PDB file of N, CA and C in Angstrom:
ATOM      1  N   MET A   1       9.682  86.862 -24.342  1.00  0.00           N
ATOM      2  CA  MET A   1      10.029  86.000 -24.727  1.00  0.00           C
ATOM      3  C   MET A   1      10.587  84.698 -23.904  1.00  0.00           C
ATOM      4  N   SER A   2      10.160  83.086 -24.292  1.00  0.00           N
ATOM      5  CA  SER A   2      10.460  82.355 -23.568  1.00  0.00           C
ATOM      6  C   SER A   2      11.709  81.736 -23.311  1.00  0.00           C
ATOM      7  N   ARG A   3      12.254  81.027 -22.775  1.00  0.00           N
ATOM      8  CA  ARG A   3      13.600  80.603 -22.459  1.00  0.00           C
ATOM      9  C   ARG A   3      13.634  79.655 -23.646  1.00  0.00           C
ATOM     10  N   ASP A   4      12.734  78.660 -24.314  1.00  0.00           N
ATOM     11  CA  ASP A   4      12.947  78.152 -25.473  1.00  0.00           C
ATOM     12  C   ASP A   4      13.363  78.914 -27.242  1.00  0.00           C
ATOM     13  N   ASP A   5      12.793  80.167 -26.946  1.00  0.00           N
ATOM     14  CA  ASP A   5      12.511  81.010 -27.904  1.00  0.00           C
ATOM     15  C   ASP A   5      14.592  81.750 -27.800  1.00  0.00           C
ATOM     16  N   ASP A   6      14.966  81.609 -26.516  1.00  0.00           N
ATOM     17  CA  ASP A   6      16.102  82.250 -26.511  1.00  0.00           C
ATOM     18  C   ASP A   6      17.217  80.960 -26.990  1.00  0.00           C
ATOM     19  N   GLU A   7      16.879  79.698 -26.486  1.00  0.00           N
ATOM     20  CA  GLU A   7      17.543  78.951 -27.153  1.00  0.00           C
ATOM     21  C   GLU A   7      17.890  78.444 -28.536  1.00  0.00           C
ATOM     22  N   ASP A   8      16.372  78.488 -29.087  1.00  0.00           N
ATOM     23  CA  ASP A   8      16.502  78.842 -30.734  1.00  0.00           C
ATOM     24  C   ASP A   8      17.467  80.011 -31.015  1.00  0.00           C
ATOM     25  N   ASP A   9      17.153  81.157 -30.429  1.00  0.00           N
ATOM     26  CA  ASP A   9      18.153  82.294 -31.151  1.00  0.00           C
ATOM     27  C   ASP A   9      19.505  81.742 -30.988  1.00  0.00           C
ATOM     28  N   LEU A  10      20.028  81.290 -30.245  1.00  0.00           N
ATOM     29  CA  LEU A  10      21.514  80.895 -29.817  1.00  0.00           C
ATOM     30  C   LEU A  10      21.632  79.760 -31.016  1.00  0.00           C
ATOM     31  N   LYS A  11      20.906  78.658 -31.083  1.00  0.00           N
ATOM     32  CA  LYS A  11      20.808  77.426 -32.159  1.00  0.00           C
ATOM     33  C   LYS A  11      21.048  77.900 -33.697  1.00  0.00           C
ATOM     34  N   ALA A  12      20.368  79.426 -34.082  1.00  0.00           N
ATOM     35  CA  ALA A  12      20.315  79.733 -35.196  1.00  0.00           C
ATOM     36  C   ALA A  12      21.356  80.535 -35.780  1.00  0.00           C
ATOM     37  N   ARG A  13      22.376  80.872 -34.549  1.00  0.00           N
ATOM     38  CA  ARG A  13      23.346  81.701 -34.991  1.00  0.00           C
ATOM     39  C   ARG A  13      24.770  81.085 -35.195  1.00  0.00           C
ATOM     40  N   PRO A  14      25.325  80.517 -36.039  1.00  0.00           N
ATOM     41  CA  PRO A  14      26.384  79.907 -35.715  1.00  0.00           C
ATOM     42  C   PRO A  14      27.690  80.417 -34.943  1.00  0.00           C
ATOM     43  N   GLY A  15      28.734  79.859 -34.788  1.00  0.00           N
ATOM     44  CA  GLY A  15      29.897  80.592 -33.754  1.00  0.00           C
ATOM     45  C   GLY A  15      31.119  80.156 -34.720  1.00  0.00           C
ATOM     46  N   ALA A  16      32.290  80.723 -34.726  1.00  0.00           N
ATOM     47  CA  ALA A  16      33.485  80.148 -35.052  1.00  0.00           C
ATOM     48  C   ALA A  16      33.907  78.721 -35.309  1.00  0.00           C
ATOM     49  N   GLY A  17      33.419  78.155 -34.016  1.00  0.00           N
ATOM     50  CA  GLY A  17      33.895  76.706 -33.928  1.00  0.00           C
ATOM     51  C   GLY A  17      32.890  76.017 -34.789  1.00  0.00           C
ATOM     52  N   GLY A  18      31.800  76.488 -35.081  1.00  0.00           N
ATOM     53  CA  GLY A  18      30.666  75.848 -35.547  1.00  0.00           C
ATOM     54  C   GLY A  18      29.323  75.479 -34.773  1.00  0.00           C
ATOM     55  N   GLY A  19      29.823  75.986 -33.148  1.00  0.00           N
ATOM     56  CA  GLY A  19      28.822  75.831 -32.416  1.00  0.00           C
ATOM     57  C   GLY A  19      28.023  77.305 -32.589  1.00  0.00           C
ATOM     58  N   ILE A  20      27.306  77.528 -31.320  1.00  0.00           N
ATOM     59  CA  ILE A  20      26.625  78.710 -31.266  1.00  0.00           C
ATOM     60  C   ILE A  20      27.633  80.017 -31.103  1.00  0.00           C
ATOM     61  N   ASP A  21      26.740  80.752 -31.176  1.00  0.00           N
ATOM     62  CA  ASP A  21      27.598  82.265 -30.931  1.00  0.00           C
ATOM     63  C   ASP A  21      27.034  83.385 -29.668  1.00  0.00           C
ATOM     64  N   PRO A  22      27.430  83.058 -28.898  1.00  0.00           N
ATOM     65  CA  PRO A  22      26.324  83.692 -27.554  1.00  0.00           C
ATOM     66  C   PRO A  22      26.808  84.913 -27.395  1.00  0.00           C
ATOM     67  N   GLY A  23      27.580  85.664 -28.274  1.00  0.00           N
ATOM     68  CA  GLY A  23      28.155  87.012 -28.191  1.00  0.00           C
ATOM     69  C   GLY A  23      27.245  88.172 -27.895  1.00  0.00           C
ATOM     70  N   PRO A  24      26.337  88.245 -28.702  1.00  0.00           N
ATOM     71  CA  PRO A  24      25.069  89.154 -28.745  1.00  0.00           C
ATOM     72  C   PRO A  24      24.198  89.003 -27.744  1.00  0.00           C
ATOM     73  N   GLU A  25      24.050  87.898 -27.018  1.00  0.00           N
ATOM     74  CA  GLU A  25      23.480  87.536 -25.894  1.00  0.00           C
ATOM     75  C   GLU A  25      24.117  88.016 -24.740  1.00  0.00           C
ATOM     76  N   VAL A  26      25.329  87.618 -24.341  1.00  0.00           N
ATOM     77  CA  VAL A  26      26.209  88.066 -23.636  1.00  0.00           C
ATOM     78  C   VAL A  26      26.316  89.599 -23.366  1.00  0.00           C
ATOM     79  N   ALA A  27      26.448  90.426 -24.689  1.00  0.00           N
ATOM     80  CA  ALA A  27      26.684  91.721 -24.788  1.00  0.00           C
ATOM     81  C   ALA A  27      25.353  92.008 -24.525  1.00  0.00           C
ATOM     82  N   ALA A  28      24.476  91.874 -24.412  1.00  0.00           N
ATOM     83  CA  ALA A  28      23.117  92.727 -24.116  1.00  0.00           C
ATOM     84  C   ALA A  28      22.934  92.077 -22.398  1.00  0.00           C
ATOM     85  N   VAL A  29      23.450  90.997 -22.184  1.00  0.00           N
ATOM     86  CA  VAL A  29      23.324  90.996 -20.354  1.00  0.00           C
ATOM     87  C   VAL A  29      24.070  92.025 -19.885  1.00  0.00           C
ATOM     88  N   PHE A  30      25.697  92.045 -20.076  1.00  0.00           N
ATOM     89  CA  PHE A  30      26.493  92.893 -19.802  1.00  0.00           C
ATOM     90  C   PHE A  30      25.556  94.438 -19.772  1.00  0.00           C
ATOM     91  N   ASP A  31      25.284  94.688 -21.093  1.00  0.00           N
ATOM     92  CA  ASP A  31      24.825  96.223 -21.114  1.00  0.00           C
ATOM     93  C   ASP A  31      23.672  96.839 -20.253  1.00  0.00           C
ATOM     94  N   ASP A  32      22.583  95.529 -19.840  1.00  0.00           N
ATOM     95  CA  ASP A  32      22.024  95.392 -19.316  1.00  0.00           C
ATOM     96  C   ASP A  32      22.288  95.924 -17.807  1.00  0.00           C
ATOM     97  N   LEU A  33      23.018  95.050 -17.193  1.00  0.00           N
ATOM     98  CA  LEU A  33      23.847  95.015 -15.672  1.00  0.00           C
ATOM     99  C   LEU A  33      24.595  96.331 -15.637  1.00  0.00           C
ATOM    100  N   GLU A  34      25.442  96.769 -16.513  1.00  0.00           N
ATOM    101  CA  GLU A  34      26.064  98.241 -16.494  1.00  0.00           C
ATOM    102  C   GLU A  34      24.837  99.221 -16.262  1.00  0.00           C
ATOM    103  N   THR A  35      23.681  99.045 -16.978  1.00  0.00           N
ATOM    104  CA  THR A  35      22.761 100.180 -16.700  1.00  0.00           C
ATOM    105  C   THR A  35      22.033 100.275 -15.467  1.00  0.00           C
ATOM    106  N   LEU A  36      22.119  99.023 -15.023  1.00  0.00           N
ATOM    107  CA  LEU A  36      21.602  98.735 -13.334  1.00  0.00           C
ATOM    108  C   LEU A  36      22.640  98.880 -12.688  1.00  0.00           C
ATOM    109  N   LEU A  37      23.689  98.926 -12.960  1.00  0.00           N
ATOM    110  CA  LEU A  37      24.735  99.352 -11.652  1.00  0.00           C
ATOM    111  C   LEU A  37      25.215 100.630 -11.662  1.00  0.00           C
ATOM    112  N   LYS A  38      24.701 101.319 -12.928  1.00  0.00           N
ATOM    113  CA  LYS A  38      24.705 103.030 -12.875  1.00  0.00           C
ATOM    114  C   LYS A  38      23.493 103.694 -12.605  1.00  0.00           C
ATOM    115  N   ASN A  39      22.247 102.901 -11.613  1.00  0.00           N
ATOM    116  CA  ASN A  39      20.926 103.894 -11.830  1.00  0.00           C
ATOM    117  C   ASN A  39      21.388 103.676 -10.375  1.00  0.00           C
ATOM    118  N   GLY A  40      20.885 105.497 -10.102  1.00  0.00           N
ATOM    119  CA  GLY A  40      21.369 106.008  -8.571  1.00  0.00           C
ATOM    120  C   GLY A  40      20.500 104.855  -7.525  1.00  0.00           C
ATOM    121  N   ASP A  41      19.404 104.601  -7.664  1.00  0.00           N
ATOM    122  CA  ASP A  41      18.878 103.880  -6.574  1.00  0.00           C
ATOM    123  C   ASP A  41      19.555 102.742  -6.150  1.00  0.00           C
ATOM    124  N   VAL A  42      20.107 101.895  -7.622  1.00  0.00           N
ATOM    125  CA  VAL A  42      20.836 100.690  -7.076  1.00  0.00           C
ATOM    126  C   VAL A  42      21.956 100.797  -6.621  1.00  0.00           C
ATOM    127  N   ILE A  43      22.660 102.095  -6.911  1.00  0.00           N
ATOM    128  CA  ILE A  43      23.822 102.747  -6.043  1.00  0.00           C
ATOM    129  C   ILE A  43      23.569 102.804  -4.742  1.00  0.00           C
ATOM    130  N   ALA A  44      22.330 103.620  -4.607  1.00  0.00           N
ATOM    131  CA  ALA A  44      22.536 103.816  -3.190  1.00  0.00           C
ATOM    132  C   ALA A  44      22.108 102.409  -2.252  1.00  0.00           C
ATOM    133  N   ALA A  45      21.389 101.204  -2.943  1.00  0.00           N
ATOM    134  CA  ALA A  45      20.890 100.092  -2.239  1.00  0.00           C
ATOM    135  C   ALA A  45      22.237  99.447  -1.766  1.00  0.00           C
ATOM    136  N   LEU A  46      23.385  99.910  -2.942  1.00  0.00           N
ATOM    137  CA  LEU A  46      24.561  98.683  -2.758  1.00  0.00           C
ATOM    138  C   LEU A  46      25.379  99.282  -1.858  1.00  0.00           C
ATOM    139  N   THR A  47      25.418 100.784  -1.732  1.00  0.00           N
ATOM    140  CA  THR A  47      26.084 101.682  -1.055  1.00  0.00           C
ATOM    141  C   THR A  47      26.060 101.355   0.421  1.00  0.00           C
ATOM    142  N   ALA A  48      24.673 101.165   0.831  1.00  0.00           N
ATOM    143  CA  ALA A  48      23.971 101.035   1.941  1.00  0.00           C
ATOM    144  C   ALA A  48      24.408  99.517   2.779  1.00  0.00           C
ATOM    145  N   ARG A  49      24.660  98.568   1.618  1.00  0.00           N
ATOM    146  CA  ARG A  49      25.016  97.160   2.031  1.00  0.00           C
ATOM    147  C   ARG A  49      26.754  97.437   1.910  1.00  0.00           C
ATOM    148  N   GLY A  50      27.605  98.319   1.549  1.00  0.00           N
ATOM    149  CA  GLY A  50      28.606  98.309   1.974  1.00  0.00           C
ATOM    150  C   GLY A  50      29.697  97.925   0.608  1.00  0.00           C
ATOM    151  N   ILE A  51      28.762  98.030  -0.665  1.00  0.00           N
ATOM    152  CA  ILE A  51      29.481  97.647  -1.938  1.00  0.00           C
ATOM    153  C   ILE A  51      29.466  98.538  -2.771  1.00  0.00           C
ATOM    154  N   ASN A  52      30.676  98.694  -3.437  1.00  0.00           N
ATOM    155  CA  ASN A  52      31.087  99.748  -4.137  1.00  0.00           C
ATOM    156  C   ASN A  52      30.595  99.213  -5.565  1.00  0.00           C
ATOM    157  N   ALA A  53      29.733 100.404  -6.127  1.00  0.00           N
ATOM    158  CA  ALA A  53      29.444 100.005  -7.592  1.00  0.00           C
ATOM    159  C   ALA A  53      30.201  99.705  -8.313  1.00  0.00           C
ATOM    160  N   SER A  54      31.115 101.115  -8.194  1.00  0.00           N
ATOM    161  CA  SER A  54      32.231 101.368  -9.453  1.00  0.00           C
ATOM    162  C   SER A  54      33.121 100.000  -9.474  1.00  0.00           C
ATOM    163  N   LEU A  55      33.494  99.152  -8.249  1.00  0.00           N
ATOM    164  CA  LEU A  55      33.947  97.916  -8.427  1.00  0.00           C
ATOM    165  C   LEU A  55      33.445  96.804  -8.958  1.00  0.00           C
ATOM    166  N   ALA A  56      31.935  97.087  -8.505  1.00  0.00           N
ATOM    167  CA  ALA A  56      30.877  96.030  -9.418  1.00  0.00           C
ATOM    168  C   ALA A  56      31.330  95.842 -10.742  1.00  0.00           C
ATOM    169  N   LEU A  57      31.015  97.347 -11.401  1.00  0.00           N
ATOM    170  CA  LEU A  57      30.709  97.723 -12.595  1.00  0.00           C
ATOM    171  C   LEU A  57      32.572  97.269 -13.013  1.00  0.00           C
ATOM    172  N   LEU A  58      33.644  97.586 -12.753  1.00  0.00           N
ATOM    173  CA  LEU A  58      35.017  96.892 -13.154  1.00  0.00           C
ATOM    174  C   LEU A  58      34.734  95.357 -13.020  1.00  0.00           C
ATOM    175  N   ALA A  59      34.624  94.574 -11.951  1.00  0.00           N
ATOM    176  CA  ALA A  59      34.028  93.560 -12.144  1.00  0.00           C
ATOM    177  C   ALA A  59      33.853  93.234 -13.074  1.00  0.00           C
ATOM    178  N   ALA A  60      32.204  93.608 -13.391  1.00  0.00           N
ATOM    179  CA  ALA A  60      31.778  93.205 -14.779  1.00  0.00           C
ATOM    180  C   ALA A  60      32.408  93.466 -15.970  1.00  0.00           C
ATOM    181  N   ASP A  61      33.203  94.634 -16.253  1.00  0.00           N
ATOM    182  CA  ASP A  61      33.780  94.738 -17.552  1.00  0.00           C
ATOM    183  C   ASP A  61      34.622  93.970 -17.850  1.00  0.00           C
ATOM    184  N   ALA A  62      35.523  93.062 -16.178  1.00  0.00           N
ATOM    185  CA  ALA A  62      36.706  92.267 -16.285  1.00  0.00           C
ATOM    186  C   ALA A  62      35.866  90.952 -16.828  1.00  0.00           C
ATOM    187  N   LEU A  63      34.871  90.509 -16.839  1.00  0.00           N
ATOM    188  CA  LEU A  63      34.156  89.222 -16.714  1.00  0.00           C
ATOM    189  C   LEU A  63      33.859  89.428 -18.488  1.00  0.00           C
ATOM    190  N   ARG A  64      33.451  90.696 -18.881  1.00  0.00           N
ATOM    191  CA  ARG A  64      32.836  90.973 -20.271  1.00  0.00           C
ATOM    192  C   ARG A  64      34.057  90.667 -21.029  1.00  0.00           C
ATOM    193  N   ALA A  65      35.402  91.348 -20.598  1.00  0.00           N
ATOM    194  CA  ALA A  65      36.702  91.150 -21.346  1.00  0.00           C
ATOM    195  C   ALA A  65      37.046  89.821 -21.661  1.00  0.00           C
ATOM    196  N   TYR A  66      37.225  88.986 -20.403  1.00  0.00           N
ATOM    197  CA  TYR A  66      37.183  87.742 -20.572  1.00  0.00           C
ATOM    198  C   TYR A  66      36.343  86.643 -21.443  1.00  0.00           C
ATOM    199  N   LEU A  67      35.122  87.122 -21.316  1.00  0.00           N
ATOM    200  CA  LEU A  67      34.259  86.158 -22.137  1.00  0.00           C
ATOM    201  C   LEU A  67      34.520  86.509 -23.789  1.00  0.00           C
ATOM    202  N   ALA A  68      35.113  87.939 -23.848  1.00  0.00           N
ATOM    203  CA  ALA A  68      35.209  88.304 -25.310  1.00  0.00           C
ATOM    204  C   ALA A  68      36.520  87.573 -25.931  1.00  0.00           C
ATOM    205  N   GLY A  69      37.537  87.043 -24.737  1.00  0.00           N
ATOM    206  CA  GLY A  69      38.894  86.721 -24.868  1.00  0.00           C
ATOM    207  C   GLY A  69      40.109  87.603 -25.337  1.00  0.00           C
ATOM    208  N   ARG A  70      39.406  88.546 -24.379  1.00  0.00           N
ATOM    209  CA  ARG A  70      40.604  89.872 -23.999  1.00  0.00           C
ATOM    210  C   ARG A  70      40.825  89.274 -22.308  1.00  0.00           C
ATOM    211  N   LYS A  71      42.057  88.407 -22.335  1.00  0.00           N
ATOM    212  CA  LYS A  71      42.357  87.767 -21.341  1.00  0.00           C
ATOM    213  C   LYS A  71      43.586  88.357 -20.434  1.00  0.00           C
ATOM    214  N   ALA A  72      43.958  89.394 -21.017  1.00  0.00           N
ATOM    215  CA  ALA A  72      45.121  90.018 -20.382  1.00  0.00           C
ATOM    216  C   ALA A  72      44.155  91.299 -19.390  1.00  0.00           C
ATOM    217  N   GLU A  73      43.521  91.964 -20.943  1.00  0.00           N
ATOM    218  CA  GLU A  73      42.628  93.147 -19.968  1.00  0.00           C
ATOM    219  C   GLU A  73      41.837  92.671 -18.806  1.00  0.00           C
ATOM    220  N   ALA A  74      41.193  91.390 -18.747  1.00  0.00           N
ATOM    221  CA  ALA A  74      40.891  90.837 -17.963  1.00  0.00           C
ATOM    222  C   ALA A  74      41.549  90.699 -16.712  1.00  0.00           C
ATOM    223  N   ALA A  75      42.363  89.735 -16.854  1.00  0.00           N
ATOM    224  CA  ALA A  75      43.225  89.919 -15.718  1.00  0.00           C
ATOM    225  C   ALA A  75      43.726  90.744 -14.819  1.00  0.00           C
ATOM    226  N   GLU A  76      44.111  92.191 -15.619  1.00  0.00           N
ATOM    227  CA  GLU A  76      44.520  93.322 -15.068  1.00  0.00           C
ATOM    228  C   GLU A  76      43.249  93.716 -14.110  1.00  0.00           C
ATOM    229  N   ASP A  77      42.038  93.787 -14.631  1.00  0.00           N
ATOM    230  CA  ASP A  77      40.631  94.044 -14.068  1.00  0.00           C
ATOM    231  C   ASP A  77      40.510  93.686 -12.884  1.00  0.00           C
ATOM    232  N   PHE A  78      40.883  92.029 -12.993  1.00  0.00           N
ATOM    233  CA  PHE A  78      39.966  91.123 -12.162  1.00  0.00           C
ATOM    234  C   PHE A  78      41.352  91.499 -10.730  1.00  0.00           C
ATOM    235  N   ALA A  79      42.525  91.560 -11.136  1.00  0.00           N
ATOM    236  CA  ALA A  79      43.252  92.015 -10.505  1.00  0.00           C
ATOM    237  C   ALA A  79      43.088  93.246  -9.397  1.00  0.00           C
ATOM    238  N   THR A  80      42.890  93.930 -10.259  1.00  0.00           N
ATOM    239  CA  THR A  80      42.283  95.311  -9.764  1.00  0.00           C
ATOM    240  C   THR A  80      41.464  95.208  -8.791  1.00  0.00           C
ATOM    241  N   VAL A  81      40.431  94.692  -9.246  1.00  0.00           N
ATOM    242  CA  VAL A  81      39.528  94.684  -8.125  1.00  0.00           C
ATOM    243  C   VAL A  81      39.605  93.924  -6.907  1.00  0.00           C
ATOM    244  N   ALA A  82      40.069  92.731  -7.081  1.00  0.00           N
ATOM    245  CA  ALA A  82      40.842  92.079  -6.130  1.00  0.00           C
ATOM    246  C   ALA A  82      41.477  92.877  -5.004  1.00  0.00           C
ATOM    247  N   GLU A  83      42.254  93.711  -5.390  1.00  0.00           N
ATOM    248  CA  GLU A  83      43.189  94.468  -4.671  1.00  0.00           C
ATOM    249  C   GLU A  83      42.670  95.363  -4.012  1.00  0.00           C
ATOM    250  N   GLU A  84      41.746  96.075  -4.875  1.00  0.00           N
ATOM    251  CA  GLU A  84      40.374  97.162  -3.875  1.00  0.00           C
ATOM    252  C   GLU A  84      39.981  96.389  -2.752  1.00  0.00           C
ATOM    253  N   ILE A  85      39.120  95.503  -3.347  1.00  0.00           N
ATOM    254  CA  ILE A  85      38.635  94.626  -2.290  1.00  0.00           C
ATOM    255  C   ILE A  85      39.451  94.345  -0.690  1.00  0.00           C
ATOM    256  N   ARG A  86      40.536  93.496  -1.086  1.00  0.00           N
ATOM    257  CA  ARG A  86      41.457  93.108  -0.019  1.00  0.00           C
ATOM    258  C   ARG A  86      41.720  94.749   0.812  1.00  0.00           C
ATOM    259  N   GLY A  87      41.850  95.792   0.371  1.00  0.00           N
ATOM    260  CA  GLY A  87      42.078  96.742   0.718  1.00  0.00           C
ATOM    261  C   GLY A  87      41.332  97.671   1.676  1.00  0.00           C
ATOM    262  N   ARG A  88      40.062  97.126   1.034  1.00  0.00           N
ATOM    263  CA  ARG A  88      38.911  97.645   2.053  1.00  0.00           C
ATOM    264  C   ARG A  88      38.684  97.103   3.026  1.00  0.00           C
ATOM    265  N   LEU A  89      38.422  95.511   2.994  1.00  0.00           N
ATOM    266  CA  LEU A  89      38.234  94.576   3.626  1.00  0.00           C
ATOM    267  C   LEU A  89      39.746  94.893   4.727  1.00  0.00           C
ATOM    268  N   ALA A  90      40.406  95.123   4.376  1.00  0.00           N
ATOM    269  CA  ALA A  90      41.626  95.393   5.803  1.00  0.00           C
ATOM    270  C   ALA A  90      41.487  96.794   6.561  1.00  0.00           C
ATOM    271  N   VAL A  91      41.087  97.656   6.023  1.00  0.00           N
ATOM    272  CA  VAL A  91      40.748  98.986   6.654  1.00  0.00           C
ATOM    273  C   VAL A  91      39.167  98.403   7.254  1.00  0.00           C
ATOM    274  N   SER A  92      38.664  98.034   6.863  1.00  0.00           N
ATOM    275  CA  SER A  92      37.243  97.447   7.880  1.00  0.00           C
ATOM    276  C   SER A  92      37.458  96.690   9.261  1.00  0.00           C
ATOM    277  N   ALA A  93      38.663  95.829   8.686  1.00  0.00           N
ATOM    278  CA  ALA A  93      39.107  94.909   9.756  1.00  0.00           C
ATOM    279  C   ALA A  93      39.836  95.430  10.718  1.00  0.00           C
ATOM    280  N   GLU A  94      40.678  96.977  10.386  1.00  0.00           N
ATOM    281  CA  GLU A  94      41.226  97.510  11.496  1.00  0.00           C
ATOM    282  C   GLU A  94      40.292  98.510  12.327  1.00  0.00           C
ATOM    283  N   GLY A  95      39.292  98.272  12.423  1.00  0.00           N
ATOM    284  CA  GLY A  95      37.954  99.092  13.118  1.00  0.00           C
ATOM    285  C   GLY A  95      37.883 100.151  12.848  1.00  0.00           C
ATOM    286  N   SER A  96      38.219 100.597  11.659  1.00  0.00           N
ATOM    287  CA  SER A  96      38.033 102.544  11.411  1.00  0.00           C
ATOM    288  C   SER A  96      36.760 102.876  11.672  1.00  0.00           C
ATOM    289  N   GLY A  97      35.605 101.453  11.531  1.00  0.00           N
ATOM    290  CA  GLY A  97      34.827 101.791  11.314  1.00  0.00           C
ATOM    291  C   GLY A  97      33.919 102.153   9.850  1.00  0.00           C
ATOM    292  N   THR A  98      35.097 102.472   9.258  1.00  0.00           N
ATOM    293  CA  THR A  98      34.578 102.974   7.420  1.00  0.00           C
ATOM    294  C   THR A  98      34.932 101.764   6.862  1.00  0.00           C
ATOM    295  N   ASP A  99      34.277 101.166   5.622  1.00  0.00           N
ATOM    296  CA  ASP A  99      34.226  99.964   4.706  1.00  0.00           C
ATOM    297  C   ASP A  99      35.167 100.834   3.472  1.00  0.00           C
ATOM    298  N   ALA A 100      34.800 102.095   3.292  1.00  0.00           N
ATOM    299  CA  ALA A 100      35.444 102.866   2.024  1.00  0.00           C
ATOM    300  C   ALA A 100      35.023 102.618   1.376  1.00  0.00           C
ATOM    301  N   GLY A 101      33.957 101.582   1.231  1.00  0.00           N
ATOM    302  CA  GLY A 101      33.346 100.777  -0.295  1.00  0.00           C
ATOM    303  C   GLY A 101      32.748 101.203  -0.853  1.00  0.00           C
ATOM    304  N   SER A 102      32.313 102.467  -0.796  1.00  0.00           N
ATOM    305  CA  SER A 102      31.415 102.877  -1.516  1.00  0.00           C
ATOM    306  C   SER A 102      31.681 104.741  -1.706  1.00  0.00           C
ATOM    307  N   GLN A 103      32.643 104.713  -1.399  1.00  0.00           N
ATOM    308  CA  GLN A 103      33.829 106.129  -1.851  1.00  0.00           C
ATOM    309  C   GLN A 103      34.532 106.265  -3.207  1.00  0.00           C
ATOM    310  N   GLY A 104      34.632 106.966  -3.836  1.00  0.00           N
ATOM    311  CA  GLY A 104      35.157 107.173  -4.903  1.00  0.00           C
ATOM    312  C   GLY A 104      35.146 106.189  -6.178  1.00  0.00           C
ATOM    313  N   GLU A 105      36.222 105.926  -6.734  1.00  0.00           N
ATOM    314  CA  GLU A 105      36.278 105.100  -7.825  1.00  0.00           C
ATOM    315  C   GLU A 105      37.697 104.253  -7.612  1.00  0.00           C
ATOM    316  N   PRO A 106      37.553 103.010  -8.265  1.00  0.00           N
ATOM    317  CA  PRO A 106      38.669 102.168  -8.008  1.00  0.00           C
ATOM    318  C   PRO A 106      39.682 102.803  -8.676  1.00  0.00           C
ATOM    319  N   SER A 107      40.886 102.438  -8.189  1.00  0.00           N
ATOM    320  CA  SER A 107      42.495 102.693  -9.021  1.00  0.00           C
ATOM    321  C   SER A 107      42.397 102.107 -10.171  1.00  0.00           C
ATOM    322  N   ARG A 108      42.602 102.350 -11.013  1.00  0.00           N
ATOM    323  CA  ARG A 108      43.000 101.657 -12.492  1.00  0.00           C
ATOM    324  C   ARG A 108      44.533 101.842 -12.875  1.00  0.00           C
ATOM    325  N   SER A 109      45.292 100.925 -13.044  1.00  0.00           N
ATOM    326  CA  SER A 109      46.712 101.196 -13.535  1.00  0.00           C
ATOM    327  C   SER A 109      46.415 101.847 -14.837  1.00  0.00           C
ATOM    328  N   ASN A 110      45.846 101.294 -15.503  1.00  0.00           N
ATOM    329  CA  ASN A 110      45.672 101.874 -17.218  1.00  0.00           C
ATOM    330  C   ASN A 110      44.753 102.892 -17.338  1.00  0.00           C
ATOM    331  N   GLY A 111      44.149 103.574 -16.347  1.00  0.00           N
ATOM    332  CA  GLY A 111      43.696 105.030 -16.575  1.00  0.00           C
ATOM    333  C   GLY A 111      42.310 104.787 -17.353  1.00  0.00           C
ATOM    334  N   ARG A 112      41.617 103.341 -17.698  1.00  0.00           N
ATOM    335  CA  ARG A 112      40.492 103.620 -18.266  1.00  0.00           C
ATOM    336  C   ARG A 112      39.338 103.664 -17.368  1.00  0.00           C
ATOM    337  N   ARG A 113      38.047 104.329 -18.073  1.00  0.00           N
ATOM    338  CA  ARG A 113      37.022 104.223 -17.409  1.00  0.00           C
ATOM    339  C   ARG A 113      35.731 104.933 -18.160  1.00  0.00           C
TER     340      ARG A 113
END
């Protein structure tokens, strides 16, 4: 599918405000990203770079929520991601030698996952 085809698909589907409805395309992109971030090889590559795939998934969930208009949920998830990254940076700055970025799940006050 070409970029022109994608643009035609967007133009063909009216949104609530009379414009386009990118919802299905955005959902498909996030579904693909989620699948990618759950792939063992991708997780291993990210972990080797000190990136926590669970935090990346949570950040993607936050952006998905924001784009869907669920702003309170997005704000909570983005705050959790920011807090976790800050905490991991502080640990690595203390010279502990571990980023802790590849271990465990991010903490979530609402218990979702």
